[in-house]
């Protein structure tokens, strides 16, 4: 079956169109655009009109791919920003009607489990593997192995949320960074993983920086293992730069530059808390898990 999945994330709007057969997801096209749907949701509790317009413009562009590839079923997944905003369900309903999408607002735990399933779509996992998904509004932690997750939880630790709460200076001050790190440390539960896989734009961007790529290469990023020391190095490097300076780094999406420091900080705190010496970057994530679920309906 051919399926389309739209991920209406807090920081980005993503599209995957894939053929799904016997548990395998064969990508036909995948696109991402930074739309910052969750801008100011943490403080104000509502989606801003400008943020909604950015998402609609993005979906206008994605409509061409959906028409060209003609999936049998297309779903739109709403995550953290839509869960938190009082007008999130209304916006998701409007999007479904305007673009002919089947919409689904997922809980944080459902998001974590779909991501875990997506990671499993092209690889096997050892027991007690931690899957880390650092989004714009939340971070999902899922622990498990090939038999499935044994722990799944969503935390209010997204890179947009932490940037808006703590990192007001450009570049951020040491005090801002420490207050943000302390907040992350207080939220993390007691877990004992033996290995880790990371998904999301934060982690794949840090993998690309670690690889010193001149341009983003998903094939090289997928499966790249990032050492704890490399994450610390990239955090120090990025935190010393202004947003404008970060946008000039090869492989850095301009829209990710304002929030990448918070994302790197979350990753470092997670790896430190669980004594992880490395984490493997994965291009397989929520989109692929949602595609498998859509094909099974």
Protein backbone atom coordinates (compact mmCIF):
# COMPACT_ATOMS: atom_id res chain seq x y z
CA UNK A 1 0.00 0.00 0.00
CA UNK A 2 1.15 3.52 -0.76
CA UNK A 3 0.74 5.90 2.18
CA UNK A 4 1.43 9.54 2.89
CA UNK A 5 2.22 10.88 6.35
CA UNK A 6 2.32 14.52 7.38
CA UNK A 7 3.94 15.27 10.75
CA UNK A 8 2.67 18.59 12.12
CA UNK A 9 5.48 19.13 14.58
CA UNK A 10 6.25 21.99 16.93
CA UNK A 11 9.28 23.14 14.95
CA UNK A 12 8.88 21.49 11.55
CA UNK A 13 6.25 20.15 9.17
CA UNK A 14 7.37 16.96 7.48
CA UNK A 15 6.10 14.74 4.68
CA UNK A 16 6.78 11.10 3.90
CA UNK A 17 5.30 9.21 0.96
CA UNK A 18 6.21 5.53 0.93
CA UNK A 19 5.20 2.11 -0.27
CA UNK A 20 4.57 -0.17 2.72
CA UNK A 21 4.65 -3.93 2.26
CA UNK A 22 5.13 -6.72 4.79
CA UNK A 23 6.45 -4.38 7.49
CA UNK A 24 8.90 -2.64 5.16
CA UNK A 25 8.77 1.08 4.38
CA UNK A 26 10.17 2.03 0.98
CA UNK A 27 10.54 5.81 0.81
CA UNK A 28 9.44 7.55 -2.37
CA UNK A 29 9.91 11.10 -1.15
CA UNK A 30 10.55 12.83 2.17
CA UNK A 31 10.47 16.55 2.81
CA UNK A 32 10.91 18.84 5.80
CA UNK A 33 10.30 22.54 6.32
CA UNK A 34 10.82 24.56 9.50
CA UNK A 35 7.40 26.11 10.19
CA UNK A 36 7.60 26.75 13.97
CA UNK A 37 3.95 25.87 14.59
CA UNK A 38 4.63 25.89 18.32
CA UNK A 39 5.94 29.46 18.45
CA UNK A 40 4.92 31.00 21.82
CA UNK A 41 2.55 28.10 22.63
CA UNK A 42 4.48 27.39 25.83
CA UNK A 43 3.83 30.92 27.13
CA UNK A 44 0.48 31.76 25.54
CA UNK A 45 -1.27 28.42 25.20
CA UNK A 46 -2.49 29.12 21.66
CA UNK A 47 -1.30 28.71 18.08
CA UNK A 48 -0.41 32.07 16.55
CA UNK A 49 -2.07 33.09 13.25
CA UNK A 50 1.36 33.56 11.61
CA UNK A 51 2.39 30.04 12.65
CA UNK A 52 -0.80 28.59 11.21
CA UNK A 53 -0.18 30.45 7.94
CA UNK A 54 3.36 29.07 7.72
CA UNK A 55 2.04 25.52 8.03
CA UNK A 56 -0.64 26.12 5.41
CA UNK A 57 1.94 27.48 2.94
CA UNK A 58 4.05 24.39 3.55
CA UNK A 59 1.09 22.08 2.98
CA UNK A 60 0.27 23.92 -0.23
CA UNK A 61 3.73 22.90 -1.48
CA UNK A 62 3.38 19.35 -0.19
CA UNK A 63 0.05 18.99 -2.02
CA UNK A 64 1.94 18.74 -5.33
CA UNK A 65 3.87 15.68 -4.11
CA UNK A 66 0.72 14.08 -2.76
CA UNK A 67 -1.01 14.55 -6.11
CA UNK A 68 2.01 13.28 -8.04
CA UNK A 69 2.53 10.11 -5.99
CA UNK A 70 -1.19 9.53 -5.28
CA UNK A 71 -1.00 7.59 -2.00
CA UNK A 72 -3.89 5.27 -1.17
CA UNK A 73 -4.17 6.81 2.28
CA UNK A 74 -2.73 10.00 3.76
CA UNK A 75 -2.76 10.88 7.44
CA UNK A 76 -1.65 13.96 9.36
CA UNK A 77 -0.21 13.46 12.83
CA UNK A 78 -0.52 16.21 15.44
CA UNK A 79 2.05 16.23 18.25
CA UNK A 80 3.25 18.47 21.08
CA UNK A 81 2.19 21.96 19.96
CA UNK A 82 -1.26 20.74 18.94
CA UNK A 83 -1.61 18.83 22.22
CA UNK A 84 -0.75 21.93 24.26
CA UNK A 85 -2.55 24.69 22.35
CA UNK A 86 -6.17 25.30 23.29
CA UNK A 87 -6.95 25.82 19.59
CA UNK A 88 -4.81 22.88 18.46
CA UNK A 89 -7.66 20.42 17.85
CA UNK A 90 -9.57 23.06 15.88
CA UNK A 91 -6.56 23.77 13.66
CA UNK A 92 -5.97 20.06 13.08
CA UNK A 93 -9.63 19.65 12.07
CA UNK A 94 -9.36 22.61 9.66
CA UNK A 95 -6.21 21.16 8.09
CA UNK A 96 -7.95 17.85 7.56
CA UNK A 97 -10.86 19.48 5.79
CA UNK A 98 -8.79 21.88 3.68
CA UNK A 99 -6.26 19.31 2.45
CA UNK A 100 -8.29 16.12 2.48
CA UNK A 101 -6.21 14.47 5.20
CA UNK A 102 -7.20 11.96 7.83
CA UNK A 103 -6.00 13.63 11.03
CA UNK A 104 -4.92 12.16 14.33
CA UNK A 105 -3.81 13.93 17.50
CA UNK A 106 -1.48 11.52 19.28
CA UNK A 107 -0.58 11.49 22.95
CA UNK A 108 3.06 11.78 23.99
CA UNK A 109 3.20 8.06 24.76
CA UNK A 110 1.69 7.18 21.37
CA UNK A 111 4.23 9.45 19.69
CA UNK A 112 7.04 7.66 21.51
CA UNK A 113 5.76 4.22 20.52
CA UNK A 114 5.26 5.19 16.87
CA UNK A 115 8.81 6.53 16.78
CA UNK A 116 10.12 3.31 18.31
CA UNK A 117 8.26 1.32 15.65
CA UNK A 118 9.76 3.56 12.96
CA UNK A 119 13.29 2.94 14.23
CA UNK A 120 12.62 -0.81 14.15
CA UNK A 121 11.44 -0.63 10.52
CA UNK A 122 14.93 -1.16 9.11
CA UNK A 123 17.04 -2.56 11.94
CA UNK A 124 17.11 -4.74 15.03
CA UNK A 125 17.66 -3.41 18.52
CA UNK A 126 19.42 -4.95 21.47
CA UNK A 127 17.41 -5.18 24.68
CA UNK A 128 17.38 -2.03 26.84
CA UNK A 129 17.98 0.30 23.90
CA UNK A 130 16.85 3.87 24.57
CA UNK A 131 15.23 5.67 21.63
CA UNK A 132 15.54 9.44 22.06
CA UNK A 133 13.32 11.81 20.06
CA UNK A 134 14.06 15.50 20.70
CA UNK A 135 11.24 17.53 19.22
CA UNK A 136 10.34 21.18 19.34
CA UNK A 137 7.87 20.94 22.21
CA UNK A 138 8.68 17.61 23.82
CA UNK A 139 11.24 14.85 24.09
CA UNK A 140 10.14 11.22 23.97
CA UNK A 141 12.14 8.47 25.66
CA UNK A 142 11.35 4.86 24.85
CA UNK A 143 13.20 1.86 26.24
CA UNK A 144 12.97 -1.61 24.75
CA UNK A 145 14.20 -4.03 22.13
CA UNK A 146 12.99 -6.08 19.20
CA UNK A 147 9.95 -7.28 21.16
CA UNK A 148 8.80 -3.70 21.60
CA UNK A 149 8.97 -0.97 24.22
CA UNK A 150 8.87 -1.60 27.96
CA UNK A 151 8.89 2.12 28.84
CA UNK A 152 7.50 5.06 26.86
CA UNK A 153 7.06 8.61 28.10
CA UNK A 154 6.92 12.14 26.75
CA UNK A 155 8.53 15.05 28.58
CA UNK A 156 8.03 18.82 28.17
CA UNK A 157 11.66 19.21 27.06
CA UNK A 158 11.52 20.33 23.43
CA UNK A 159 14.16 22.57 21.87
CA UNK A 160 11.65 25.34 21.05
CA UNK A 161 10.14 25.20 24.54
CA UNK A 162 13.54 25.39 26.30
CA UNK A 163 14.78 28.15 24.01
CA UNK A 164 11.71 30.29 24.74
CA UNK A 165 11.86 29.61 28.48
CA UNK A 166 15.58 29.90 29.20
CA UNK A 167 17.78 31.05 26.30
CA UNK A 168 16.85 34.70 25.82
CA UNK A 169 20.36 35.95 24.96
CA UNK A 170 22.06 35.55 21.61
CA UNK A 171 24.37 33.77 22.13
CA UNK A 172 23.02 32.31 25.39
CA UNK A 173 24.82 33.16 28.62
CA UNK A 174 26.43 30.49 30.84
CA UNK A 175 23.73 31.11 33.44
CA UNK A 176 20.95 30.54 30.91
CA UNK A 177 22.56 27.32 29.76
CA UNK A 178 22.96 26.04 33.31
CA UNK A 179 19.36 26.85 34.26
CA UNK A 180 18.15 25.04 31.15
CA UNK A 181 20.37 22.03 31.88
CA UNK A 182 19.16 21.90 35.50
CA UNK A 183 15.56 21.86 34.30
CA UNK A 184 16.28 18.93 31.97
CA UNK A 185 18.08 16.98 34.70
CA UNK A 186 15.15 17.38 37.08
CA UNK A 187 12.70 15.96 34.52
CA UNK A 188 14.58 12.81 33.50
CA UNK A 189 13.42 9.52 35.06
CA UNK A 190 15.62 6.73 36.39
CA UNK A 191 16.42 4.37 33.50
CA UNK A 192 19.24 1.91 32.77
CA UNK A 193 19.74 1.66 29.00
CA UNK A 194 22.71 -0.18 27.53
CA UNK A 195 22.54 1.47 24.10
CA UNK A 196 20.78 4.38 22.42
CA UNK A 197 19.36 5.51 19.08
CA UNK A 198 18.45 9.13 18.43
CA UNK A 199 15.98 10.59 15.94
CA UNK A 200 14.84 14.12 15.05
CA UNK A 201 16.39 17.13 13.37
CA UNK A 202 18.48 18.00 16.41
CA UNK A 203 20.25 14.66 16.47
CA UNK A 204 20.67 14.24 12.73
CA UNK A 205 22.05 17.79 12.50
CA UNK A 206 24.58 17.08 15.24
CA UNK A 207 25.52 13.88 13.43
CA UNK A 208 26.09 15.86 10.22
CA UNK A 209 28.23 18.38 12.12
CA UNK A 210 30.23 15.56 13.70
CA UNK A 211 30.81 14.11 10.24
CA UNK A 212 31.92 17.57 9.01
CA UNK A 213 29.68 17.27 5.96
CA UNK A 214 29.77 20.06 3.40
CA UNK A 215 26.10 19.35 2.64
CA UNK A 216 23.54 17.17 4.34
CA UNK A 217 23.73 13.49 3.35
CA UNK A 218 21.01 11.34 4.91
CA UNK A 219 22.73 8.10 3.88
CA UNK A 220 25.88 9.04 5.81
CA UNK A 221 23.98 10.42 8.79
CA UNK A 222 21.80 7.31 9.16
CA UNK A 223 23.63 4.91 11.47
CA UNK A 224 26.38 7.36 12.41
CA UNK A 225 27.39 6.95 16.04
CA UNK A 226 27.97 10.21 17.90
CA UNK A 227 30.24 10.06 20.93
CA UNK A 228 29.30 11.82 24.16
CA UNK A 229 32.45 13.92 23.85
CA UNK A 230 31.42 14.96 20.33
CA UNK A 231 27.99 16.10 21.56
CA UNK A 232 29.66 18.16 24.28
CA UNK A 233 32.02 19.69 21.71
CA UNK A 234 29.19 20.63 19.35
CA UNK A 235 27.16 22.14 22.19
CA UNK A 236 30.10 24.31 23.26
CA UNK A 237 30.71 25.34 19.65
CA UNK A 238 27.09 26.19 18.87
CA UNK A 239 26.45 27.98 22.16
CA UNK A 240 29.38 30.32 21.48
CA UNK A 241 27.85 31.51 18.19
CA UNK A 242 25.00 33.89 17.48
CA UNK A 243 21.97 32.61 15.61
CA UNK A 244 23.15 34.41 12.48
CA UNK A 245 26.55 32.73 12.73
CA UNK A 246 24.95 29.31 13.18
CA UNK A 247 22.92 29.74 9.99
CA UNK A 248 26.17 29.93 8.04
CA UNK A 249 27.32 26.48 9.17
CA UNK A 250 27.11 23.91 6.34
CA UNK A 251 24.22 21.42 6.87
CA UNK A 252 22.47 23.78 9.32
CA UNK A 253 18.89 24.55 8.26
CA UNK A 254 18.42 28.28 8.89
CA UNK A 255 15.17 27.65 10.74
CA UNK A 256 16.89 25.24 13.11
CA UNK A 257 19.70 27.62 14.06
CA UNK A 258 17.69 29.47 16.76
CA UNK A 259 16.86 26.25 18.67
CA UNK A 260 19.78 23.88 18.01
CA UNK A 261 21.61 24.89 21.19
CA UNK A 262 18.68 23.82 23.36
CA UNK A 263 18.39 20.59 21.38
CA UNK A 264 22.08 19.79 21.81
CA UNK A 265 21.82 20.59 25.51
CA UNK A 266 18.91 18.16 25.94
CA UNK A 267 20.87 15.45 24.11
CA UNK A 268 23.96 15.97 26.26
CA UNK A 269 21.95 15.85 29.50
CA UNK A 270 20.14 12.66 28.41
CA UNK A 271 23.39 10.92 27.48
CA UNK A 272 25.11 12.06 30.68
CA UNK A 273 22.21 11.02 32.92
CA UNK A 274 22.16 7.51 31.47
CA UNK A 275 25.93 7.12 31.17
CA UNK A 276 25.76 6.70 27.40
CA UNK A 277 29.15 6.98 25.71
CA UNK A 278 27.51 7.21 22.28
CA UNK A 279 24.21 7.39 20.42
CA UNK A 280 23.37 6.22 16.91
CA UNK A 281 21.56 8.67 14.64
CA UNK A 282 18.55 7.29 12.76
CA UNK A 283 16.66 8.73 9.80
CA UNK A 284 13.84 6.30 10.57
CA UNK A 285 11.41 7.81 13.05
CA UNK A 286 7.80 8.83 13.74
CA UNK A 287 7.02 9.18 10.03
CA UNK A 288 7.91 5.57 9.35
CA UNK A 289 6.06 4.26 12.39
CA UNK A 290 2.98 6.22 11.37
CA UNK A 291 3.28 4.89 7.80
CA UNK A 292 3.25 1.30 9.10
CA UNK A 293 0.23 2.06 11.24
CA UNK A 294 -1.63 3.76 8.39
CA UNK A 295 -1.00 0.80 6.09
CA UNK A 296 -2.39 -1.62 8.66
CA UNK A 297 -5.74 0.14 9.06
